[in-house]
Amino acid sequence: MLPRLLLAAALTVVVLAPAAAADHPGSNHGLQAFATLADPLGLDAMVHRLPDVQNDFAAWEAAYPDFVSRYTIGATSSGFPLEGILVTDESVPFDGAALATGQKLRVYLDGGHHGNEFLGVELAMYYLEDLLNKADAGDQAVVQFLKETEVYAVPIINVDGNFLDTRKNSAQVDVNRNYDFQFGGPGSGASVTDQNYRGPSPGSEAEVRANMEFGAEIRPDVWVTMHTGVAEFYWPWGWTHDKSPDDWFFSKLEAPFENATNGRVDAMMAAELYLAAGATDDWAYGVLGIPGHTFEVHEDQFIPVYGEGIPVAIEDQLAGLDFVVKNVKVWGAWLEATPATDGLQLTNLGWNNATGVKLDGEPLADIPAGASVVVPWDGDATVDYQQMLINTSKVRTLHVTSQDAGPAENEAPATGALLALAALAVALARRR
C-alpha cells in the first residue's frame, strides 16, 4: 500500500481533476464512485464518512422517535447530500412563557468544513449521541433542556473533502473562506493552488450557499462550527485584529469556558490564531447578528486513527461544547417581563446588554446584563430589543398581556428592528 499522504495525493489527482471547473451537482462522477467505498483510503479509521452519518441518523431516528428529525439542507457541488438532524422534545412545541411562540431556543452545530479535520465531525456526532442517551435515560436536566431548545446539526459540510481526506472541496475551494462576509480579505487565497483558496466569488460553493441559507432560515441563538488543528475555542472577529463591538461580552466567556474544559481548551478571539476572512463564525455574527464560534477540537488534524478511541480524545472538548450549548439563553441579551405593583418589570437575564429597547415602539434606555427596570404598563405591551450590539443584530420581541403571571414570551428573531413583526408572522405560520 502506498504511504497515506501519497495515496491521498494520487486519488486527488485522479478524482478531483475532472471537477476543478465543475459547479453543478452530479458533475463529478469519479468522486461518486470513490465515495461508495466504505473506507476509501484503506485506513480502517474510526471516523465518520457520509454513509456513517446517515446510518447513525437513521438508527437514532428509529431509537428515539420523540427526539429526532432528519433533514437535508442541500447538496455539495458533486451532488452529495448535506445531512442534518434536529434533536429536541418534539412533543413540546413550546414550554412556558420563557420560550418563543411556536419556536424554542435554537442551537446550530456544523462540522467538517475542512475534509481532513475529522475530529470536528466526531465531536458533533458524539455530542448528539450523548444528548440522546441522556434524554432516553430520563436525565432531568437534559429532558428540560430539550423541552426548551432545538439542537440542529450538520456534521459534515465539506462531504467531498471528507471522502478524499483533503482540506478543500472537489472544486479546490477552501469552503471556510467562501462565506459572504469580508470575502477576499486577509487569510484567504486568490489562486486555486492556495491552501486557503477562497473561490471565484462569495458563496460560489454549493455547500456554503446551503449552509448560509439554512442558517438564515433557522436563525439560531448560537452557532458553533467545529474544526481540528489546535485545542482552542474562538469568538469573532477572525478577519481582522480589530475587536468586535461585542468583544467585551465574548471575553467574559474565556474563564468559565476554560474551567469547563479543565483548562484543556483555550478561549480567545479568532484572529489571535491567524486572520481568516470569509469564515463561518464571522458570517454568523456579522450578517445574522448572533454569537458565532469556532471550536478547534484537537491537535491531531491529519491522523484519523486513535487507538484509545475518539470519545477519550475529545472528552474535555465535549464538556466545552456542552457548556456553550447549555448556556444558549444567556449568550446575548434575554429579557423576561414580570408584572409589578407599579408597572412592568423587565429583567435582562442574559450576559450581554439589551440595546435598542422599545416599549410599544417607544425607545427605552438600554438594559445592562443582570439589570432590571420598571416601566409603565396598561396590561398589554410589546417589547423589542437587540440580542447583540452590532447593527445587524438579531431582534427579539417580547409580548406581555394582562393574563401573564410570570415571564413573558420571547418571539422569533429577525434582522433589524423593522423586521421584528414580519418575523413574528413567519414564526406563527411555520410551526414546526
Protein backbone atom coordinates (compact mmCIF):
# COMPACT_ATOMS: atom_id res chain seq x y z
CA MET A 1 0.00 0.00 0.00
CA LEU A 2 1.26 3.49 -0.78
CA PRO A 3 2.01 5.71 2.21
CA ARG A 4 -1.12 7.53 3.30
CA LEU A 5 -0.26 11.00 2.05
CA LEU A 6 0.98 9.71 -1.31
CA LEU A 7 -2.19 7.70 -1.73
CA ALA A 8 -4.35 10.69 -0.88
CA ALA A 9 -2.42 12.84 -3.35
CA ALA A 10 -2.79 10.24 -6.09
CA LEU A 11 -6.50 9.94 -5.50
CA THR A 12 -6.83 13.71 -5.52
CA VAL A 13 -5.21 13.92 -8.95
CA VAL A 14 -7.38 11.16 -10.40
CA VAL A 15 -10.68 12.14 -8.85
CA LEU A 16 -10.57 15.88 -8.43
CA ALA A 17 -9.16 16.94 -11.79
CA PRO A 18 -12.45 16.49 -13.68
CA ALA A 19 -14.26 18.54 -11.03
CA ALA A 20 -11.94 21.53 -10.81
CA ALA A 21 -14.18 23.57 -13.10
CA ALA A 22 -17.45 21.91 -12.12
CA ASP A 23 -20.10 23.93 -10.33
CA HIS A 24 -23.18 21.75 -10.59
CA PRO A 25 -24.41 18.75 -8.58
CA GLY A 26 -23.73 15.37 -10.08
CA SER A 27 -20.88 16.53 -12.32
CA ASN A 28 -18.12 14.64 -10.52
CA HIS A 29 -18.85 11.01 -11.37
CA GLY A 30 -15.38 9.90 -10.31
CA LEU A 31 -15.96 11.12 -6.77
CA GLN A 32 -19.37 9.48 -6.70
CA ALA A 33 -17.79 6.10 -7.42
CA PHE A 34 -14.97 6.74 -4.97
CA ALA A 35 -17.45 7.53 -2.20
CA THR A 36 -19.14 4.14 -2.48
CA LEU A 37 -16.13 2.58 -0.80
CA ALA A 38 -16.65 2.05 2.94
CA ASP A 39 -13.11 3.21 3.72
CA PRO A 40 -11.75 4.78 0.52
CA LEU A 41 -8.26 5.42 1.87
CA GLY A 42 -7.90 1.96 3.40
CA LEU A 43 -7.09 3.35 6.83
CA ASP A 44 -9.60 1.49 8.99
CA ALA A 45 -10.10 4.91 10.54
CA MET A 46 -12.51 5.43 13.39
CA VAL A 47 -14.12 8.47 11.77
CA HIS A 48 -17.46 9.27 10.20
CA ARG A 49 -17.88 9.49 6.46
CA LEU A 50 -21.23 10.43 4.94
CA PRO A 51 -22.62 6.84 4.97
CA ASP A 52 -21.70 6.55 8.65
CA VAL A 53 -23.53 9.78 9.47
CA GLN A 54 -26.56 8.63 7.50
CA ASN A 55 -26.58 5.26 9.28
CA ASP A 56 -26.28 6.84 12.72
CA PHE A 57 -29.03 9.35 11.96
CA ALA A 58 -31.34 6.57 10.77
CA ALA A 59 -30.59 4.49 13.87
CA TRP A 60 -31.22 7.44 16.20
CA GLU A 61 -34.47 8.32 14.44
CA ALA A 62 -35.66 4.73 14.92
CA ALA A 63 -34.50 4.51 18.53
CA TYR A 64 -35.57 7.99 19.68
CA PRO A 65 -38.63 8.95 17.58
CA ASP A 66 -39.77 11.53 20.14
CA PHE A 67 -36.50 13.42 19.94
CA VAL A 68 -35.10 13.10 16.41
CA SER A 69 -35.99 14.52 12.99
CA ARG A 70 -33.80 14.26 9.90
CA TYR A 71 -33.45 16.71 7.03
CA THR A 72 -31.04 17.79 4.30
CA ILE A 73 -30.04 21.41 3.76
CA GLY A 74 -28.86 20.92 0.17
CA ALA A 75 -26.06 19.13 -1.67
CA THR A 76 -22.40 19.56 -2.46
CA SER A 77 -21.24 20.57 -5.92
CA SER A 78 -20.72 16.85 -6.57
CA GLY A 79 -24.28 16.01 -5.62
CA PHE A 80 -23.77 14.52 -2.15
CA PRO A 81 -26.50 15.42 0.37
CA LEU A 82 -25.75 17.68 3.31
CA GLU A 83 -27.35 15.62 6.04
CA GLY A 84 -28.79 17.28 9.13
CA ILE A 85 -30.55 16.28 12.30
CA LEU A 86 -32.79 18.08 14.78
CA VAL A 87 -32.73 16.94 18.39
CA THR A 88 -35.50 18.28 20.64
CA ASP A 89 -38.54 17.11 22.58
CA GLU A 90 -40.94 17.05 19.66
CA SER A 91 -43.94 16.50 21.93
CA VAL A 92 -43.44 20.02 23.31
CA PRO A 93 -43.72 22.70 20.60
CA PHE A 94 -43.03 25.31 23.26
CA ASP A 95 -42.99 25.10 27.01
CA GLY A 96 -43.80 28.07 29.20
CA ALA A 97 -43.70 31.79 28.74
CA ALA A 98 -39.90 31.96 28.57
CA LEU A 99 -39.96 30.44 25.11
CA ALA A 100 -40.92 31.82 21.75
CA THR A 101 -44.41 31.27 20.44
CA GLY A 102 -44.08 28.21 18.25
CA GLN A 103 -40.31 28.37 18.44
CA LYS A 104 -37.80 27.27 21.04
CA LEU A 105 -34.29 28.44 21.65
CA ARG A 106 -32.10 27.25 18.81
CA VAL A 107 -28.55 25.94 18.61
CA TYR A 108 -26.77 25.14 15.34
CA LEU A 109 -23.70 22.91 15.13
CA ASP A 110 -21.80 22.27 11.93
CA GLY A 111 -18.53 20.47 11.23
CA GLY A 112 -16.24 19.20 8.54
CA HIS A 113 -15.66 22.40 6.57
CA HIS A 114 -12.15 21.08 6.07
CA GLY A 115 -12.37 17.48 4.94
CA ASN A 116 -9.21 16.32 6.67
CA GLU A 117 -10.22 17.69 10.09
CA PHE A 118 -12.02 14.63 11.31
CA LEU A 119 -12.47 15.31 15.00
CA GLY A 120 -14.68 18.32 14.34
CA VAL A 121 -17.15 15.85 12.85
CA GLU A 122 -16.65 13.39 15.68
CA LEU A 123 -17.31 15.97 18.38
CA ALA A 124 -20.66 16.82 16.80
CA MET A 125 -21.66 13.17 16.47
CA TYR A 126 -20.52 12.22 19.94
CA TYR A 127 -22.32 15.20 21.48
CA LEU A 128 -25.60 14.34 19.74
CA GLU A 129 -25.38 10.70 20.79
CA ASP A 130 -24.61 11.67 24.38
CA LEU A 131 -27.58 14.06 24.43
CA LEU A 132 -29.96 11.42 23.12
CA ASN A 133 -28.73 8.74 25.51
CA LYS A 134 -29.21 11.03 28.48
CA ALA A 135 -32.66 12.11 27.33
CA ASP A 136 -33.71 8.50 26.84
CA ALA A 137 -32.39 7.62 30.30
CA GLY A 138 -34.52 10.36 31.85
CA ASP A 139 -31.75 12.79 32.83
CA GLN A 140 -33.92 15.62 34.12
CA ALA A 141 -31.56 18.43 33.17
CA VAL A 142 -31.35 17.15 29.59
CA VAL A 143 -35.08 16.44 29.38
CA GLN A 144 -35.87 20.03 30.43
CA PHE A 145 -33.21 21.39 28.07
CA LEU A 146 -34.78 19.60 25.10
CA LYS A 147 -38.20 20.91 26.04
CA GLU A 148 -36.82 24.44 25.69
CA THR A 149 -34.24 24.02 22.94
CA GLU A 150 -33.86 22.80 19.38
CA VAL A 151 -30.39 21.47 18.53
CA TYR A 152 -29.73 21.45 14.79
CA ALA A 153 -26.59 19.83 13.42
CA VAL A 154 -24.98 19.22 10.03
CA PRO A 155 -21.80 17.34 10.98
CA ILE A 156 -20.14 17.31 7.53
CA ILE A 157 -20.33 20.43 5.35
CA ASN A 158 -17.45 19.52 3.02
CA VAL A 159 -18.57 15.97 2.22
CA ASP A 160 -16.30 15.75 -0.84
CA GLY A 161 -13.20 16.65 1.16
CA ASN A 162 -14.24 14.28 3.94
CA PHE A 163 -14.29 11.38 1.48
CA LEU A 164 -10.96 12.40 -0.04
CA ASP A 165 -9.17 13.40 3.15
CA THR A 166 -8.44 16.85 1.72
CA ARG A 167 -8.85 20.30 3.21
CA LYS A 168 -10.62 21.75 0.17
CA ASN A 169 -13.73 20.62 -1.67
CA SER A 170 -13.89 18.95 -5.07
CA ALA A 171 -13.57 22.35 -6.80
CA GLN A 172 -10.34 23.01 -4.85
CA VAL A 173 -12.00 25.72 -2.72
CA ASP A 174 -11.48 26.21 0.99
CA VAL A 175 -15.16 26.48 1.83
CA ASN A 176 -14.37 28.23 5.13
CA ARG A 177 -13.11 31.23 3.16
CA ASN A 178 -16.13 31.34 0.83
CA TYR A 179 -18.76 32.94 3.08
CA ASP A 180 -20.32 36.24 2.08
CA PHE A 181 -18.79 38.44 4.78
CA GLN A 182 -15.45 40.20 4.27
CA PHE A 183 -14.91 37.86 1.33
CA GLY A 184 -11.47 38.24 -0.24
CA GLY A 185 -9.89 39.72 2.87
CA PRO A 186 -6.72 38.66 4.66
CA GLY A 187 -6.08 34.98 5.22
CA SER A 188 -7.80 33.87 2.02
CA GLY A 189 -6.02 32.85 -1.16
CA ALA A 190 -6.73 34.21 -4.62
CA SER A 191 -5.25 31.27 -6.53
CA VAL A 192 -6.73 27.79 -6.85
CA THR A 193 -3.33 26.43 -5.83
CA ASP A 194 -3.50 28.22 -2.45
CA GLN A 195 -4.37 26.03 0.51
CA ASN A 196 -6.94 28.63 1.60
CA TYR A 197 -8.28 29.45 -1.88
CA ARG A 198 -11.49 31.41 -1.34
CA GLY A 199 -13.18 30.56 -4.62
CA PRO A 200 -14.20 32.79 -7.53
CA SER A 201 -16.92 34.69 -5.65
CA PRO A 202 -18.65 34.78 -2.25
CA GLY A 203 -20.98 31.82 -1.86
CA SER A 204 -19.78 30.25 -5.10
CA GLU A 205 -19.74 26.80 -3.48
CA ALA A 206 -22.98 24.87 -3.15
CA GLU A 207 -22.06 23.71 0.36
CA VAL A 208 -21.60 27.27 1.54
CA ARG A 209 -24.77 28.58 -0.09
CA ALA A 210 -26.77 25.81 1.53
CA ASN A 211 -25.28 26.49 4.95
CA MET A 212 -25.88 30.24 4.73
CA GLU A 213 -29.46 29.76 3.57
CA PHE A 214 -30.19 27.25 6.31
CA GLY A 215 -28.61 29.42 9.00
CA ALA A 216 -30.61 32.44 7.85
CA GLU A 217 -33.78 30.32 7.88
CA ILE A 218 -33.48 28.91 11.40
CA ARG A 219 -31.65 31.95 12.87
CA PRO A 220 -30.09 30.09 15.79
CA ASP A 221 -29.33 31.74 19.10
CA VAL A 222 -25.77 30.44 18.93
CA TRP A 223 -23.80 28.87 16.07
CA VAL A 224 -20.78 26.64 16.67
CA THR A 225 -18.65 25.43 13.77
CA MET A 226 -16.15 22.67 14.52
CA HIS A 227 -12.64 22.23 13.15
CA THR A 228 -9.43 20.44 14.14
CA GLY A 229 -5.82 21.55 14.39
CA VAL A 230 -5.35 23.00 17.87
CA ALA A 231 -7.34 22.73 21.08
CA GLU A 232 -8.94 26.20 21.15
CA PHE A 233 -12.30 27.99 21.11
CA TYR A 234 -12.82 31.26 19.24
CA TRP A 235 -15.16 34.20 19.01
CA PRO A 236 -15.29 36.94 16.29
CA TRP A 237 -13.51 38.56 14.67
CA GLY A 238 -11.36 36.29 12.56
CA TRP A 239 -10.94 38.59 9.55
CA THR A 240 -9.27 41.47 11.45
CA HIS A 241 -7.29 42.09 14.61
CA ASP A 242 -9.74 44.89 15.49
CA LYS A 243 -12.05 43.89 18.29
CA SER A 244 -15.74 43.36 17.53
CA PRO A 245 -18.44 45.56 19.12
CA ASP A 246 -19.24 42.68 21.47
CA ASP A 247 -15.68 41.72 22.32
CA TRP A 248 -16.18 42.78 25.94
CA PHE A 249 -19.02 40.25 26.11
CA PHE A 250 -17.23 37.46 24.28
CA SER A 251 -14.21 37.93 26.54
CA LYS A 252 -16.40 37.11 29.52
CA LEU A 253 -16.64 33.56 28.16
CA GLU A 254 -12.92 32.90 28.47
CA ALA A 255 -12.64 31.93 32.14
CA PRO A 256 -15.87 29.88 32.51
CA PHE A 257 -15.27 28.07 29.22
CA GLU A 258 -11.71 27.15 30.12
CA ASN A 259 -12.88 25.99 33.53
CA ALA A 260 -15.48 23.78 31.87
CA THR A 261 -12.75 22.09 29.81
CA ASN A 262 -10.43 21.63 32.80
CA GLY A 263 -8.01 24.06 31.22
CA ARG A 264 -7.62 21.76 28.22
CA VAL A 265 -9.04 24.20 25.64
CA ASP A 266 -8.06 27.87 25.47
CA ALA A 267 -10.64 30.51 24.51
CA MET A 268 -9.79 33.68 22.58
CA MET A 269 -10.63 35.97 19.68
CA ALA A 270 -10.24 34.05 16.40
CA ALA A 271 -7.71 36.47 14.89
CA GLU A 272 -5.24 35.53 17.63
CA LEU A 273 -4.66 32.25 15.76
CA TYR A 274 -4.43 33.82 12.28
CA LEU A 275 -6.56 36.00 10.03
CA ALA A 276 -9.23 34.20 8.04
CA ALA A 277 -11.67 36.34 6.04
CA GLY A 278 -14.85 34.78 4.68
CA ALA A 279 -15.24 32.27 7.52
CA THR A 280 -18.40 30.79 9.04
CA ASP A 281 -18.27 32.32 12.50
CA ASP A 282 -17.70 35.88 11.26
CA TRP A 283 -20.58 35.48 8.79
CA ALA A 284 -22.95 34.26 11.53
CA TYR A 285 -22.06 37.22 13.73
CA GLY A 286 -21.53 39.90 11.09
CA VAL A 287 -24.60 39.10 8.98
CA LEU A 288 -27.09 37.37 11.27
CA GLY A 289 -26.05 39.22 14.42
CA ILE A 290 -25.74 36.07 16.52
CA PRO A 291 -22.81 34.63 18.51
CA GLY A 292 -20.72 32.65 16.04
CA HIS A 293 -17.96 30.48 17.44
CA THR A 294 -15.29 28.14 16.10
CA PHE A 295 -14.26 25.08 18.07
CA GLU A 296 -10.83 23.69 17.21
CA VAL A 297 -11.25 20.25 18.70
CA HIS A 298 -7.86 18.57 18.82
CA GLU A 299 -4.25 18.85 17.73
CA ASP A 300 -4.33 15.66 15.63
CA GLN A 301 -5.69 17.24 12.47
CA PHE A 302 -4.48 14.79 9.86
CA ILE A 303 -4.38 11.47 11.72
CA PRO A 304 -7.87 9.94 11.94
CA VAL A 305 -6.79 6.74 13.74
CA TYR A 306 -6.90 6.81 17.54
CA GLY A 307 -6.03 3.64 19.41
CA GLU A 308 -7.60 4.84 22.63
CA GLY A 309 -10.84 5.76 20.94
CA ILE A 310 -12.29 9.05 19.80
CA PRO A 311 -14.55 9.62 22.85
CA VAL A 312 -11.47 9.64 25.09
CA ALA A 313 -9.64 12.01 22.77
CA ILE A 314 -12.38 14.65 22.92
CA GLU A 315 -13.72 14.26 26.45
CA ASP A 316 -12.73 17.76 27.58
CA GLN A 317 -13.86 19.29 24.30
CA LEU A 318 -17.24 17.65 24.79
CA ALA A 319 -17.52 19.40 28.16
CA GLY A 320 -16.73 22.70 26.45
CA LEU A 321 -19.35 22.21 23.76
CA ASP A 322 -21.89 21.22 26.39
CA PHE A 323 -21.10 24.46 28.26
CA VAL A 324 -21.71 26.53 25.13
CA VAL A 325 -24.97 24.79 24.22
CA LYS A 326 -26.47 24.69 27.69
CA ASN A 327 -25.88 28.44 28.16
CA VAL A 328 -27.63 29.39 24.94
CA LYS A 329 -30.20 31.56 26.72
CA VAL A 330 -27.58 33.87 28.23
CA TRP A 331 -25.44 34.01 25.06
CA GLY A 332 -26.59 37.58 24.50
CA ALA A 333 -29.44 39.65 25.93
CA TRP A 334 -32.53 37.84 27.24
CA LEU A 335 -35.39 39.88 28.71
CA GLU A 336 -38.11 38.48 30.89
CA ALA A 337 -41.11 40.53 31.99
CA THR A 338 -42.91 40.30 35.33
CA PRO A 339 -45.95 42.39 36.30
CA ALA A 340 -45.15 44.61 39.27
CA THR A 341 -47.33 46.77 41.51
CA ASP A 342 -46.10 49.96 39.86
CA GLY A 343 -45.74 48.72 36.28
CA LEU A 344 -43.92 46.05 34.29
CA GLN A 345 -40.51 44.86 35.44
CA LEU A 346 -38.08 43.99 32.63
CA THR A 347 -35.09 41.91 33.73
CA ASN A 348 -32.13 41.09 31.50
CA LEU A 349 -31.07 37.55 32.38
CA GLY A 350 -28.51 37.41 29.58
CA TRP A 351 -24.79 38.14 29.67
CA ASN A 352 -24.99 40.98 27.16
CA ASN A 353 -26.72 44.35 27.24
CA ALA A 354 -30.21 44.65 25.77
CA THR A 355 -29.92 47.53 23.31
CA GLY A 356 -32.45 49.24 21.09
CA VAL A 357 -35.16 48.51 23.65
CA LYS A 358 -38.62 49.72 22.65
CA LEU A 359 -41.92 49.52 24.50
CA ASP A 360 -44.83 49.58 22.02
CA GLY A 361 -42.49 51.31 19.58
CA GLU A 362 -41.24 53.94 22.02
CA PRO A 363 -37.49 53.84 22.79
CA LEU A 364 -36.34 52.96 26.29
CA ALA A 365 -32.89 53.09 27.83
CA ASP A 366 -30.60 50.11 27.32
CA ILE A 367 -30.90 47.41 29.99
CA PRO A 368 -27.46 46.13 31.08
CA ALA A 369 -26.80 42.45 31.70
CA GLY A 370 -28.29 41.44 35.03
CA ALA A 371 -30.22 44.70 35.47
CA SER A 372 -33.96 45.35 35.88
CA VAL A 373 -36.15 48.34 35.07
CA VAL A 374 -39.81 49.05 35.79
CA VAL A 375 -41.85 50.69 33.04
CA PRO A 376 -45.49 51.86 32.88
CA TRP A 377 -47.85 49.14 31.78
CA ASP A 378 -51.55 49.11 30.94
CA GLY A 379 -51.94 45.33 30.81
CA ASP A 380 -50.67 44.71 27.25
CA ALA A 381 -47.27 45.51 25.81
CA THR A 382 -44.78 44.65 23.10
CA VAL A 383 -41.09 44.97 23.88
CA ASP A 384 -38.45 44.83 21.12
CA TYR A 385 -34.73 44.61 21.87
CA GLN A 386 -31.45 43.57 20.30
CA GLN A 387 -29.57 40.48 21.42
CA MET A 388 -26.14 41.76 20.41
CA LEU A 389 -24.74 45.25 19.84
CA ILE A 390 -23.86 45.18 16.15
CA ASN A 391 -26.11 46.88 13.59
CA THR A 392 -27.24 43.61 12.02
CA SER A 393 -28.17 42.29 15.44
CA LYS A 394 -30.95 39.81 15.98
CA VAL A 395 -34.08 41.44 17.35
CA ARG A 396 -36.29 39.69 19.88
CA THR A 397 -39.90 40.61 20.50
CA LEU A 398 -41.48 40.17 23.91
CA HIS A 399 -45.28 40.11 24.23
CA VAL A 400 -46.94 40.72 27.58
CA THR A 401 -50.67 40.56 28.27
CA SER A 402 -52.78 41.11 31.36
CA GLN A 403 -53.08 37.34 31.77
CA ASP A 404 -49.33 36.90 32.23
CA ALA A 405 -48.38 35.99 35.76
CA GLY A 406 -44.70 35.40 35.07
CA PRO A 407 -42.05 35.77 32.39
CA ALA A 408 -43.48 36.82 29.04
CA GLU A 409 -42.87 35.20 25.67
CA ASN A 410 -39.82 35.96 23.55
CA GLU A 411 -40.82 35.90 19.90
CA ALA A 412 -38.87 34.59 16.94
CA PRO A 413 -35.99 36.91 15.95
CA ALA A 414 -35.46 38.99 12.84
CA THR A 415 -32.64 41.02 11.31
CA GLY A 416 -33.21 44.68 12.15
CA ALA A 417 -35.99 46.30 14.10
CA LEU A 418 -38.20 46.83 11.04
CA LEU A 419 -38.38 43.06 10.51
CA ALA A 420 -39.48 42.09 14.03
CA LEU A 421 -43.19 41.97 13.20
CA ALA A 422 -42.52 40.12 9.95
CA ALA A 423 -40.57 37.52 11.87
CA LEU A 424 -43.49 37.05 14.24
CA ALA A 425 -45.81 36.35 11.33
CA VAL A 426 -43.36 33.84 9.87
CA ALA A 427 -42.92 32.08 13.20
CA LEU A 428 -46.66 31.70 13.68
CA ALA A 429 -47.20 30.50 10.14
CA ARG A 430 -44.38 27.95 10.20
CA ARG A 431 -44.99 25.98 13.36
CA ARG A 432 -42.60 23.07 13.21
